[in-house]
Amino acid sequence: MKRFEKTRPLILAYMRLRQDNGLEPPYMSEMAQDLAMPLSTLASHLCRLEGEGVVVKRDSHRRPYMLAPENPAPGPSRAEPLSERQARVLVAVNVMTREGKGSPTFREIADALGLASTASIQYQIDRLVARGYLTRPATRKKRALALTPLGIEAITEARA
C-alpha cells in the first residue's frame, strides 16, 4: 500500500506528460524502464489505477493510453434530469453495494427493478456512466460498477 501511494503520482505524471506532448503510448517494459520500476510492480500498480478508473483504456498491445480526469467535468447531458428508471438503477447499485455483496450484476439490478431484460439495464448504465453518475473500469468485469460523487449526490437529491 505504501509503495503504491508513493509511485501513484509518478505514474500519473509520466502518463500525463506523454499524453500532453502527443507521444504515443509506451509499452509497459519501456514505461517500467523510464520509471526505474520492476515490470511486475508497474503492472500491479496499473491494475490498481484501472480499478480506480484512472487508466481507462489499453490498446491491442496492452499499452495504457488514456487517462480519465480525476474530477470529471459533467457532460453536456448533465443538465437534463435523471429519468425515474435511471434514479432507480442508481439506488439499486447503491443498496446492493452497501449490502456487502460488491457491485451488482446487470441481472441482479434487473431483478431488483422487476425487469425481465438486462438490455435495458445495460442501456441505462451506459447512459449513467457517460453522464458521470457511475464508473466502470476498463476491465469491464461484471461486478465493477461504482457510484461517483455525482451519483451519490443524485441519490441524496432523489430521496429528499
N, C-alpha and C. Protein backbone atom coordinates (compact mmCIF):
# COMPACT_ATOMS: atom_id res chain seq x y z
N MET A 1 0.82 -1.19 0.00
CA MET A 1 0.00 0.00 0.00
C MET A 1 0.87 1.25 0.00
N LYS A 2 1.90 1.28 0.85
CA LYS A 2 2.75 2.46 0.93
C LYS A 2 3.49 2.70 -0.39
N ARG A 3 3.98 1.61 -0.99
CA ARG A 3 4.71 1.74 -2.25
C ARG A 3 3.80 2.32 -3.33
N PHE A 4 2.56 1.85 -3.38
CA PHE A 4 1.61 2.34 -4.38
C PHE A 4 1.34 3.83 -4.18
N GLU A 5 1.16 4.24 -2.94
CA GLU A 5 0.88 5.65 -2.67
C GLU A 5 2.05 6.54 -3.08
N LYS A 6 3.27 6.02 -3.00
CA LYS A 6 4.45 6.79 -3.40
C LYS A 6 4.60 6.84 -4.92
N THR A 7 4.28 5.74 -5.59
CA THR A 7 4.51 5.68 -7.04
C THR A 7 3.31 6.16 -7.86
N ARG A 8 2.13 6.20 -7.27
CA ARG A 8 0.93 6.62 -7.99
C ARG A 8 1.12 7.98 -8.66
N PRO A 9 1.53 9.04 -7.93
CA PRO A 9 1.70 10.34 -8.58
C PRO A 9 2.76 10.30 -9.69
N LEU A 10 3.80 9.51 -9.51
CA LEU A 10 4.85 9.40 -10.51
C LEU A 10 4.31 8.78 -11.81
N ILE A 11 3.55 7.70 -11.68
CA ILE A 11 2.97 7.04 -12.86
C ILE A 11 2.01 7.99 -13.57
N LEU A 12 1.15 8.66 -12.81
CA LEU A 12 0.18 9.57 -13.42
C LEU A 12 0.88 10.74 -14.12
N ALA A 13 1.90 11.31 -13.48
CA ALA A 13 2.63 12.43 -14.08
C ALA A 13 3.31 11.99 -15.37
N TYR A 14 3.90 10.80 -15.35
CA TYR A 14 4.57 10.26 -16.54
C TYR A 14 3.58 10.11 -17.69
N MET A 15 2.42 9.53 -17.41
CA MET A 15 1.43 9.30 -18.45
C MET A 15 0.87 10.62 -18.97
N ARG A 16 0.61 11.57 -18.07
CA ARG A 16 0.10 12.87 -18.50
C ARG A 16 1.12 13.61 -19.36
N LEU A 17 2.39 13.53 -18.97
CA LEU A 17 3.44 14.19 -19.73
C LEU A 17 3.50 13.65 -21.16
N ARG A 18 3.45 12.34 -21.29
CA ARG A 18 3.48 11.73 -22.63
C ARG A 18 2.24 12.12 -23.42
N GLN A 19 1.09 12.09 -22.76
CA GLN A 19 -0.16 12.41 -23.43
C GLN A 19 -0.19 13.89 -23.84
N ASP A 20 0.23 14.77 -22.95
CA ASP A 20 0.22 16.21 -23.24
C ASP A 20 1.18 16.58 -24.36
N ASN A 21 2.26 15.83 -24.51
CA ASN A 21 3.25 16.10 -25.56
C ASN A 21 2.96 15.35 -26.85
N GLY A 22 1.83 14.67 -26.89
CA GLY A 22 1.43 13.98 -28.11
C GLY A 22 2.26 12.76 -28.45
N LEU A 23 2.94 12.19 -27.46
CA LEU A 23 3.75 11.00 -27.70
C LEU A 23 2.86 9.77 -27.72
N GLU A 24 3.27 8.77 -28.47
CA GLU A 24 2.49 7.53 -28.50
C GLU A 24 2.60 6.84 -27.14
N PRO A 25 1.61 6.01 -26.82
CA PRO A 25 1.63 5.34 -25.52
C PRO A 25 2.84 4.42 -25.41
N PRO A 26 3.43 4.33 -24.23
CA PRO A 26 4.61 3.48 -24.06
C PRO A 26 4.21 2.02 -23.87
N TYR A 27 5.09 1.13 -24.27
CA TYR A 27 4.93 -0.26 -23.88
C TYR A 27 5.24 -0.34 -22.40
N MET A 28 4.68 -1.30 -21.73
CA MET A 28 4.87 -1.38 -20.28
C MET A 28 6.34 -1.56 -19.92
N SER A 29 7.11 -2.31 -20.73
CA SER A 29 8.53 -2.50 -20.44
C SER A 29 9.28 -1.17 -20.54
N GLU A 30 8.92 -0.37 -21.55
CA GLU A 30 9.54 0.96 -21.72
C GLU A 30 9.17 1.86 -20.54
N MET A 31 7.92 1.80 -20.15
CA MET A 31 7.44 2.62 -19.04
C MET A 31 8.14 2.23 -17.74
N ALA A 32 8.28 0.92 -17.50
CA ALA A 32 8.96 0.44 -16.30
C ALA A 32 10.42 0.91 -16.28
N GLN A 33 11.07 0.85 -17.44
CA GLN A 33 12.46 1.29 -17.52
C GLN A 33 12.57 2.79 -17.27
N ASP A 34 11.68 3.59 -17.87
CA ASP A 34 11.71 5.04 -17.67
C ASP A 34 11.46 5.42 -16.21
N LEU A 35 10.62 4.65 -15.54
CA LEU A 35 10.28 4.96 -14.14
C LEU A 35 11.20 4.25 -13.14
N ALA A 36 12.16 3.48 -13.65
CA ALA A 36 13.07 2.71 -12.81
C ALA A 36 12.29 1.86 -11.80
N MET A 37 11.38 1.08 -12.36
CA MET A 37 10.48 0.28 -11.54
C MET A 37 10.39 -1.12 -12.14
N PRO A 38 10.36 -2.16 -11.30
CA PRO A 38 10.19 -3.51 -11.87
C PRO A 38 8.88 -3.61 -12.64
N LEU A 39 8.91 -4.36 -13.72
CA LEU A 39 7.74 -4.51 -14.58
C LEU A 39 6.55 -5.08 -13.80
N SER A 40 6.79 -6.05 -12.92
CA SER A 40 5.70 -6.65 -12.15
C SER A 40 5.04 -5.62 -11.23
N THR A 41 5.86 -4.74 -10.65
CA THR A 41 5.31 -3.70 -9.78
C THR A 41 4.47 -2.72 -10.58
N LEU A 42 4.99 -2.31 -11.74
CA LEU A 42 4.25 -1.39 -12.59
C LEU A 42 2.92 -2.02 -13.02
N ALA A 43 2.95 -3.28 -13.40
CA ALA A 43 1.72 -3.96 -13.84
C ALA A 43 0.68 -3.97 -12.72
N SER A 44 1.10 -4.27 -11.50
CA SER A 44 0.13 -4.29 -10.39
C SER A 44 -0.38 -2.89 -10.08
N HIS A 45 0.48 -1.88 -10.20
CA HIS A 45 0.05 -0.51 -9.94
C HIS A 45 -0.94 -0.04 -11.02
N LEU A 46 -0.69 -0.41 -12.28
CA LEU A 46 -1.63 -0.04 -13.34
C LEU A 46 -2.98 -0.72 -13.14
N CYS A 47 -2.98 -1.95 -12.65
CA CYS A 47 -4.24 -2.64 -12.35
C CYS A 47 -5.01 -1.89 -11.26
N ARG A 48 -4.28 -1.43 -10.26
CA ARG A 48 -4.94 -0.66 -9.19
C ARG A 48 -5.49 0.65 -9.73
N LEU A 49 -4.76 1.30 -10.62
CA LEU A 49 -5.24 2.54 -11.21
C LEU A 49 -6.47 2.29 -12.09
N GLU A 50 -6.48 1.13 -12.77
CA GLU A 50 -7.66 0.77 -13.55
C GLU A 50 -8.86 0.59 -12.63
N GLY A 51 -8.63 -0.04 -11.49
CA GLY A 51 -9.70 -0.23 -10.51
C GLY A 51 -10.25 1.08 -10.00
N GLU A 52 -9.41 2.09 -9.94
CA GLU A 52 -9.84 3.42 -9.51
C GLU A 52 -10.48 4.19 -10.66
N GLY A 53 -10.41 3.65 -11.85
CA GLY A 53 -10.98 4.33 -13.00
C GLY A 53 -10.08 5.41 -13.58
N VAL A 54 -8.80 5.39 -13.27
CA VAL A 54 -7.89 6.42 -13.76
C VAL A 54 -7.33 6.03 -15.12
N VAL A 55 -6.72 4.85 -15.22
CA VAL A 55 -6.26 4.37 -16.52
C VAL A 55 -7.46 3.66 -17.14
N VAL A 56 -7.99 4.21 -18.21
CA VAL A 56 -9.26 3.69 -18.68
C VAL A 56 -9.18 2.85 -19.93
N LYS A 57 -8.12 2.91 -20.68
CA LYS A 57 -8.05 2.12 -21.91
C LYS A 57 -6.66 1.59 -22.13
N ARG A 58 -6.59 0.50 -22.84
CA ARG A 58 -5.32 -0.05 -23.29
C ARG A 58 -5.51 -0.43 -24.74
N ASP A 59 -4.45 -0.31 -25.54
CA ASP A 59 -4.58 -0.68 -26.94
C ASP A 59 -4.35 -2.18 -27.10
N SER A 60 -4.27 -2.63 -28.33
CA SER A 60 -4.14 -4.07 -28.59
C SER A 60 -2.84 -4.65 -28.05
N HIS A 61 -1.86 -3.81 -27.79
CA HIS A 61 -0.59 -4.27 -27.24
C HIS A 61 -0.54 -4.09 -25.72
N ARG A 62 -1.70 -3.81 -25.11
CA ARG A 62 -1.83 -3.62 -23.66
C ARG A 62 -1.07 -2.39 -23.17
N ARG A 63 -0.92 -1.39 -24.04
CA ARG A 63 -0.26 -0.15 -23.62
C ARG A 63 -1.32 0.78 -23.04
N PRO A 64 -1.13 1.26 -21.81
CA PRO A 64 -2.10 2.21 -21.25
C PRO A 64 -2.00 3.52 -22.02
N TYR A 65 -3.12 4.06 -22.47
CA TYR A 65 -3.00 5.24 -23.30
C TYR A 65 -3.99 6.35 -23.04
N MET A 66 -4.86 6.25 -22.09
CA MET A 66 -5.80 7.34 -21.89
C MET A 66 -6.10 7.46 -20.41
N LEU A 67 -6.12 8.67 -19.93
CA LEU A 67 -6.42 8.91 -18.53
C LEU A 67 -7.80 9.50 -18.38
N ALA A 68 -8.53 9.03 -17.38
CA ALA A 68 -9.79 9.66 -17.04
C ALA A 68 -9.47 10.84 -16.13
N PRO A 69 -10.18 11.94 -16.24
CA PRO A 69 -9.91 13.04 -15.33
C PRO A 69 -10.22 12.64 -13.90
N GLU A 70 -9.42 13.11 -12.95
CA GLU A 70 -9.64 12.73 -11.55
C GLU A 70 -10.95 13.30 -11.04
N ASN A 71 -11.34 14.48 -11.49
CA ASN A 71 -12.65 15.06 -11.17
C ASN A 71 -13.35 15.35 -12.48
N PRO A 72 -14.06 14.34 -13.02
CA PRO A 72 -14.63 14.52 -14.33
C PRO A 72 -15.63 15.67 -14.37
N ALA A 73 -15.53 16.47 -15.40
CA ALA A 73 -16.49 17.55 -15.58
C ALA A 73 -17.80 16.97 -16.07
N PRO A 74 -18.92 17.49 -15.61
CA PRO A 74 -20.19 16.96 -16.08
C PRO A 74 -20.32 17.13 -17.58
N GLY A 75 -20.85 16.14 -18.22
CA GLY A 75 -21.03 16.20 -19.66
C GLY A 75 -22.19 17.11 -20.03
N PRO A 76 -22.40 17.34 -21.31
CA PRO A 76 -23.46 18.22 -21.74
C PRO A 76 -24.85 17.72 -21.37
N SER A 77 -25.01 16.40 -21.23
CA SER A 77 -26.32 15.85 -20.89
C SER A 77 -26.61 15.93 -19.40
N ARG A 78 -25.68 16.43 -18.60
CA ARG A 78 -25.87 16.55 -17.15
C ARG A 78 -27.04 17.47 -16.83
N ALA A 79 -27.33 18.45 -17.69
CA ALA A 79 -28.38 19.42 -17.43
C ALA A 79 -29.76 18.76 -17.39
N GLU A 80 -29.96 17.73 -18.22
CA GLU A 80 -31.26 17.07 -18.20
C GLU A 80 -31.38 16.21 -16.94
N PRO A 81 -32.55 16.19 -16.31
CA PRO A 81 -32.70 15.43 -15.06
C PRO A 81 -32.65 13.92 -15.32
N LEU A 82 -32.35 13.19 -14.27
CA LEU A 82 -32.35 11.73 -14.37
C LEU A 82 -33.77 11.24 -14.58
N SER A 83 -33.90 10.22 -15.41
CA SER A 83 -35.22 9.61 -15.56
C SER A 83 -35.51 8.80 -14.30
N GLU A 84 -36.75 8.43 -14.14
CA GLU A 84 -37.13 7.65 -12.96
C GLU A 84 -36.38 6.31 -12.94
N ARG A 85 -36.25 5.69 -14.10
CA ARG A 85 -35.55 4.41 -14.17
C ARG A 85 -34.07 4.57 -13.85
N GLN A 86 -33.44 5.64 -14.34
CA GLN A 86 -32.02 5.87 -14.04
C GLN A 86 -31.83 6.08 -12.54
N ALA A 87 -32.73 6.82 -11.91
CA ALA A 87 -32.65 7.03 -10.46
C ALA A 87 -32.81 5.71 -9.74
N ARG A 88 -33.72 4.86 -10.20
CA ARG A 88 -33.92 3.55 -9.57
C ARG A 88 -32.69 2.67 -9.73
N VAL A 89 -32.03 2.73 -10.90
CA VAL A 89 -30.81 1.95 -11.12
C VAL A 89 -29.72 2.43 -10.16
N LEU A 90 -29.55 3.74 -10.02
CA LEU A 90 -28.54 4.27 -9.09
C LEU A 90 -28.81 3.80 -7.66
N VAL A 91 -30.07 3.88 -7.24
CA VAL A 91 -30.42 3.46 -5.88
C VAL A 91 -30.14 1.96 -5.72
N ALA A 92 -30.50 1.16 -6.72
CA ALA A 92 -30.26 -0.29 -6.64
C ALA A 92 -28.77 -0.59 -6.51
N VAL A 93 -27.94 0.07 -7.31
CA VAL A 93 -26.49 -0.14 -7.23
C VAL A 93 -25.99 0.25 -5.84
N ASN A 94 -26.46 1.36 -5.33
CA ASN A 94 -26.05 1.83 -4.01
C ASN A 94 -26.44 0.84 -2.92
N VAL A 95 -27.70 0.39 -2.94
CA VAL A 95 -28.19 -0.53 -1.90
C VAL A 95 -27.45 -1.86 -1.96
N MET A 96 -27.30 -2.41 -3.16
CA MET A 96 -26.64 -3.72 -3.28
C MET A 96 -25.16 -3.64 -2.92
N THR A 97 -24.52 -2.53 -3.22
CA THR A 97 -23.12 -2.37 -2.86
C THR A 97 -22.97 -2.28 -1.35
N ARG A 98 -23.89 -1.56 -0.72
CA ARG A 98 -23.82 -1.39 0.74
C ARG A 98 -24.16 -2.68 1.49
N GLU A 99 -24.90 -3.61 0.85
CA GLU A 99 -25.22 -4.88 1.49
C GLU A 99 -24.00 -5.76 1.65
N GLY A 100 -22.89 -5.37 1.03
CA GLY A 100 -21.65 -6.12 1.19
C GLY A 100 -21.40 -7.18 0.15
N LYS A 101 -22.24 -7.26 -0.86
CA LYS A 101 -22.06 -8.26 -1.92
C LYS A 101 -21.12 -7.77 -3.01
N GLY A 102 -20.70 -6.54 -2.93
CA GLY A 102 -19.93 -5.95 -4.01
C GLY A 102 -20.88 -5.32 -5.01
N SER A 103 -20.36 -4.93 -6.12
CA SER A 103 -21.16 -4.31 -7.15
C SER A 103 -22.10 -5.35 -7.77
N PRO A 104 -23.35 -4.99 -8.04
CA PRO A 104 -24.30 -5.97 -8.57
C PRO A 104 -24.10 -6.23 -10.07
N THR A 105 -24.55 -7.40 -10.50
CA THR A 105 -24.55 -7.72 -11.93
C THR A 105 -25.78 -7.08 -12.57
N PHE A 106 -25.81 -7.03 -13.88
CA PHE A 106 -26.97 -6.47 -14.58
C PHE A 106 -28.22 -7.27 -14.26
N ARG A 107 -28.08 -8.60 -14.17
CA ARG A 107 -29.21 -9.46 -13.86
C ARG A 107 -29.76 -9.13 -12.47
N GLU A 108 -28.90 -8.94 -11.48
CA GLU A 108 -29.36 -8.61 -10.13
C GLU A 108 -30.09 -7.26 -10.11
N ILE A 109 -29.60 -6.29 -10.87
CA ILE A 109 -30.27 -5.00 -10.93
C ILE A 109 -31.63 -5.15 -11.60
N ALA A 110 -31.68 -5.91 -12.71
CA ALA A 110 -32.95 -6.13 -13.41
C ALA A 110 -33.96 -6.80 -12.49
N ASP A 111 -33.52 -7.81 -11.75
CA ASP A 111 -34.42 -8.49 -10.82
C ASP A 111 -34.92 -7.55 -9.73
N ALA A 112 -34.04 -6.70 -9.21
CA ALA A 112 -34.43 -5.76 -8.16
C ALA A 112 -35.45 -4.74 -8.67
N LEU A 113 -35.37 -4.40 -9.94
CA LEU A 113 -36.30 -3.42 -10.51
C LEU A 113 -37.52 -4.08 -11.15
N GLY A 114 -37.57 -5.42 -11.12
CA GLY A 114 -38.70 -6.13 -11.70
C GLY A 114 -38.73 -6.14 -13.21
N LEU A 115 -37.54 -6.12 -13.83
CA LEU A 115 -37.46 -6.13 -15.29
C LEU A 115 -36.99 -7.50 -15.76
N ALA A 116 -37.52 -7.93 -16.91
CA ALA A 116 -37.15 -9.24 -17.43
C ALA A 116 -35.84 -9.20 -18.21
N SER A 117 -35.55 -8.07 -18.85
CA SER A 117 -34.41 -7.98 -19.74
C SER A 117 -33.26 -7.20 -19.11
N THR A 118 -32.03 -7.69 -19.35
CA THR A 118 -30.86 -6.94 -18.88
C THR A 118 -30.43 -5.89 -19.90
N ALA A 119 -31.00 -5.94 -21.11
CA ALA A 119 -30.62 -4.97 -22.15
C ALA A 119 -30.96 -3.54 -21.73
N SER A 120 -32.11 -3.37 -21.08
CA SER A 120 -32.48 -2.02 -20.65
C SER A 120 -31.57 -1.55 -19.52
N ILE A 121 -31.13 -2.48 -18.69
CA ILE A 121 -30.19 -2.12 -17.61
C ILE A 121 -28.86 -1.71 -18.24
N GLN A 122 -28.41 -2.47 -19.22
CA GLN A 122 -27.16 -2.13 -19.93
C GLN A 122 -27.25 -0.72 -20.50
N TYR A 123 -28.37 -0.40 -21.14
CA TYR A 123 -28.56 0.92 -21.73
C TYR A 123 -28.52 2.01 -20.66
N GLN A 124 -29.26 1.79 -19.57
CA GLN A 124 -29.30 2.81 -18.50
C GLN A 124 -27.93 3.00 -17.86
N ILE A 125 -27.22 1.92 -17.65
CA ILE A 125 -25.88 2.02 -17.03
C ILE A 125 -24.92 2.73 -17.98
N ASP A 126 -24.98 2.43 -19.26
CA ASP A 126 -24.13 3.14 -20.23
C ASP A 126 -24.41 4.64 -20.20
N ARG A 127 -25.68 5.01 -20.11
CA ARG A 127 -26.05 6.43 -20.04
C ARG A 127 -25.54 7.06 -18.73
N LEU A 128 -25.67 6.34 -17.62
CA LEU A 128 -25.22 6.87 -16.33
C LEU A 128 -23.70 7.01 -16.29
N VAL A 129 -22.99 6.08 -16.91
CA VAL A 129 -21.53 6.18 -16.98
C VAL A 129 -21.14 7.39 -17.84
N ALA A 130 -21.80 7.55 -18.99
CA ALA A 130 -21.50 8.67 -19.88
C ALA A 130 -21.77 10.01 -19.22
N ARG A 131 -22.76 10.05 -18.35
CA ARG A 131 -23.12 11.30 -17.69
C ARG A 131 -22.34 11.53 -16.39
N GLY A 132 -21.53 10.54 -15.97
CA GLY A 132 -20.67 10.73 -14.82
C GLY A 132 -21.27 10.32 -13.48
N TYR A 133 -22.38 9.58 -13.49
CA TYR A 133 -23.01 9.15 -12.25
C TYR A 133 -22.43 7.83 -11.75
N LEU A 134 -21.94 7.01 -12.67
CA LEU A 134 -21.33 5.72 -12.33
C LEU A 134 -19.97 5.64 -13.03
N THR A 135 -19.10 4.79 -12.49
CA THR A 135 -17.85 4.49 -13.17
C THR A 135 -17.79 2.99 -13.40
N ARG A 136 -17.13 2.63 -14.49
CA ARG A 136 -16.91 1.22 -14.80
C ARG A 136 -15.50 1.13 -15.35
N PRO A 137 -14.59 0.46 -14.61
CA PRO A 137 -13.21 0.35 -15.09
C PRO A 137 -13.13 -0.32 -16.45
N ALA A 138 -12.02 -0.09 -17.13
CA ALA A 138 -11.83 -0.61 -18.48
C ALA A 138 -11.84 -2.13 -18.54
N THR A 139 -11.61 -2.78 -17.41
CA THR A 139 -11.57 -4.24 -17.40
C THR A 139 -12.93 -4.84 -17.72
N ARG A 140 -13.99 -4.06 -17.57
CA ARG A 140 -15.35 -4.50 -17.88
C ARG A 140 -15.73 -5.77 -17.13
N LYS A 141 -15.30 -5.89 -15.90
CA LYS A 141 -15.72 -7.04 -15.10
C LYS A 141 -17.21 -6.90 -14.81
N LYS A 142 -17.86 -8.02 -14.58
CA LYS A 142 -19.30 -7.98 -14.33
C LYS A 142 -19.63 -7.15 -13.10
N ARG A 143 -18.82 -7.26 -12.09
CA ARG A 143 -19.10 -6.55 -10.84
C ARG A 143 -18.12 -5.41 -10.64
N ALA A 144 -18.15 -4.46 -11.53
CA ALA A 144 -17.17 -3.39 -11.45
C ALA A 144 -17.81 -2.00 -11.49
N LEU A 145 -19.07 -1.88 -11.10
CA LEU A 145 -19.72 -0.58 -11.08
C LEU A 145 -19.45 0.13 -9.76
N ALA A 146 -19.30 1.44 -9.82
CA ALA A 146 -19.12 2.23 -8.61
C ALA A 146 -19.79 3.58 -8.79
N LEU A 147 -20.42 4.06 -7.73
CA LEU A 147 -21.03 5.38 -7.76
C LEU A 147 -19.96 6.44 -7.68
N THR A 148 -20.12 7.50 -8.43
CA THR A 148 -19.23 8.65 -8.34
C THR A 148 -19.83 9.62 -7.32
N PRO A 149 -19.09 10.64 -6.90
CA PRO A 149 -19.68 11.64 -6.00
C PRO A 149 -20.95 12.26 -6.60
N LEU A 150 -20.97 12.44 -7.92
CA LEU A 150 -22.15 12.97 -8.60
C LEU A 150 -23.33 12.01 -8.46
N GLY A 151 -23.06 10.71 -8.55
CA GLY A 151 -24.11 9.71 -8.38
C GLY A 151 -24.65 9.69 -6.97
N ILE A 152 -23.77 9.82 -5.99
CA ILE A 152 -24.21 9.85 -4.59
C ILE A 152 -25.07 11.09 -4.35
N GLU A 153 -24.66 12.21 -4.93
CA GLU A 153 -25.43 13.46 -4.81
C GLU A 153 -26.82 13.29 -5.43
N ALA A 154 -26.90 12.61 -6.58
CA ALA A 154 -28.17 12.39 -7.25
C ALA A 154 -29.09 11.52 -6.40
N ILE A 155 -28.55 10.51 -5.74
CA ILE A 155 -29.35 9.65 -4.87
C ILE A 155 -29.88 10.45 -3.69
N THR A 156 -29.04 11.28 -3.11
CA THR A 156 -29.44 12.11 -1.99
C THR A 156 -30.57 13.05 -2.41
N GLU A 157 -30.45 13.66 -3.59
CA GLU A 157 -31.50 14.56 -4.09
C GLU A 157 -32.78 13.78 -4.37
N ALA A 158 -32.67 12.56 -4.88
CA ALA A 158 -33.86 11.77 -5.20
C ALA A 158 -34.63 11.38 -3.94
N ARG A 159 -33.90 11.14 -2.86
CA ARG A 159 -34.56 10.76 -1.60
C ARG A 159 -35.18 11.96 -0.90
N ALA A 160 -34.70 13.16 -1.19
CA ALA A 160 -35.21 14.36 -0.50
C ALA A 160 -36.56 14.78 -1.01
